[in-house]
Amino acid sequence: MAPFYGIIVVDYYLIKRQHLNMQELFSSAPGSAYYYVNGWNTRALIAFGVAAMFSLSTVLVPALSALGGFGWMIGAALGGLFYYGLMRQFKAAPALAQQ
């Protein structure tokens, strides 16, 4: 769950810049602001998968067992970092930033 937390924090504060379109937040229409690709944000899924693999490896790989106590924080940081790297070209639109 740590990568998911990192992705949510980065999306809200860095990508969306604390501005959400409440009218379209729960819309499943293909043209809505939060629809992405067939309803799935594939960039978020990729960032989650890569960061989750690292978090799991701190538990399963004996060489990384020293990082086990920090697995949650590292997973959240990596999830946010990977997500920001994948989404940096999709900053908040000016229309959303002015609402």
Protein backbone atom coordinates (compact mmCIF):
# COMPACT_ATOMS: atom_id res chain seq x y z
CA MET A 1 0.00 0.00 0.00
CA ALA A 2 2.98 2.33 0.41
CA PRO A 3 3.49 2.96 -3.31
CA PHE A 4 -0.20 3.77 -3.60
CA TYR A 5 0.17 6.41 -0.88
CA GLY A 6 3.17 7.96 -2.65
CA ILE A 7 1.28 8.07 -5.94
CA ILE A 8 -1.76 9.75 -4.36
CA VAL A 9 0.35 12.40 -2.61
CA VAL A 10 2.39 13.23 -5.71
CA ASP A 11 -0.71 13.31 -7.91
CA TYR A 12 -2.57 15.71 -5.64
CA TYR A 13 0.27 18.05 -4.68
CA LEU A 14 2.61 18.02 -7.69
CA ILE A 15 0.59 16.93 -10.72
CA LYS A 16 -2.88 18.37 -9.97
CA ARG A 17 -1.46 21.21 -7.81
CA GLN A 18 -4.24 20.78 -5.22
CA HIS A 19 -7.01 21.49 -7.73
CA LEU A 20 -9.61 18.85 -8.49
CA ASN A 21 -12.59 19.11 -10.83
CA MET A 22 -15.31 17.91 -8.50
CA GLN A 23 -17.86 17.65 -11.33
CA GLU A 24 -15.73 15.13 -13.21
CA LEU A 25 -14.05 13.38 -10.28
CA PHE A 26 -16.58 10.53 -10.24
CA SER A 27 -17.47 10.57 -13.93
CA SER A 28 -16.79 7.48 -15.98
CA ALA A 29 -17.39 9.24 -19.30
CA PRO A 30 -14.57 8.68 -21.80
CA GLY A 31 -13.94 12.41 -22.28
CA SER A 32 -13.79 13.33 -18.58
CA ALA A 33 -10.69 14.81 -16.91
CA TYR A 34 -9.83 11.66 -14.94
CA TYR A 35 -10.67 8.95 -17.47
CA TYR A 36 -7.13 8.19 -18.77
CA VAL A 37 -6.97 5.00 -20.92
CA ASN A 38 -10.15 2.92 -20.79
CA GLY A 39 -10.68 4.13 -17.23
CA TRP A 40 -7.20 3.09 -16.02
CA ASN A 41 -4.21 5.32 -15.36
CA THR A 42 -1.58 3.00 -16.81
CA ARG A 43 1.26 5.25 -15.68
CA ALA A 44 0.07 4.95 -12.08
CA LEU A 45 -0.18 1.18 -12.43
CA ILE A 46 3.37 0.97 -13.79
CA ALA A 47 4.72 3.16 -10.97
CA PHE A 48 2.82 1.09 -8.40
CA GLY A 49 4.08 -2.21 -9.81
CA VAL A 50 7.75 -1.21 -9.89
CA ALA A 51 7.69 0.34 -6.41
CA ALA A 52 5.71 -2.58 -4.98
CA MET A 53 8.27 -5.04 -6.33
CA PHE A 54 10.99 -3.19 -4.44
CA SER A 55 8.91 -3.06 -1.25
CA LEU A 56 8.26 -6.79 -1.47
CA SER A 57 11.88 -7.53 -2.20
CA THR A 58 12.91 -5.92 1.11
CA VAL A 59 10.94 -8.70 2.79
CA LEU A 60 11.69 -11.61 0.46
CA VAL A 61 15.34 -11.04 -0.56
CA PRO A 62 17.78 -11.78 2.27
CA ALA A 63 20.35 -9.26 0.99
CA LEU A 64 17.79 -6.46 1.38
CA SER A 65 16.50 -7.57 4.79
CA ALA A 66 18.29 -4.66 6.50
CA LEU A 67 15.90 -2.31 4.66
CA GLY A 68 12.84 -4.21 5.90
CA GLY A 69 11.99 -1.62 8.52
CA PHE A 70 12.18 1.13 5.94
CA GLY A 71 10.29 -0.75 3.23
CA TRP A 72 7.12 1.29 3.66
CA MET A 73 8.86 4.66 3.42
CA ILE A 74 11.06 3.57 0.52
CA GLY A 75 8.06 2.10 -1.30
CA ALA A 76 6.06 5.31 -0.88
CA ALA A 77 8.99 7.45 -2.02
CA LEU A 78 9.68 5.23 -5.04
CA GLY A 79 6.01 5.08 -6.01
CA GLY A 80 5.77 8.87 -5.90
CA LEU A 81 9.07 9.33 -7.72
CA PHE A 82 8.24 6.89 -10.52
CA TYR A 83 4.75 8.34 -10.89
CA TYR A 84 6.06 11.89 -11.07
CA GLY A 85 8.59 10.83 -13.70
CA LEU A 86 5.88 9.21 -15.79
CA MET A 87 3.29 12.00 -15.34
CA ARG A 88 5.39 15.18 -15.38
CA GLN A 89 4.15 16.14 -18.85
CA PHE A 90 0.52 15.97 -17.62
CA LYS A 91 0.51 18.93 -15.21
CA ALA A 92 -2.75 20.52 -14.13
CA ALA A 93 -4.53 22.23 -16.99
CA PRO A 94 -4.93 26.02 -16.66
CA ALA A 95 -8.72 25.62 -16.49
CA LEU A 96 -8.38 23.35 -13.46
CA ALA A 97 -5.79 25.58 -11.78
CA GLN A 98 -8.11 28.61 -11.89
CA GLN A 99 -11.13 26.89 -10.28
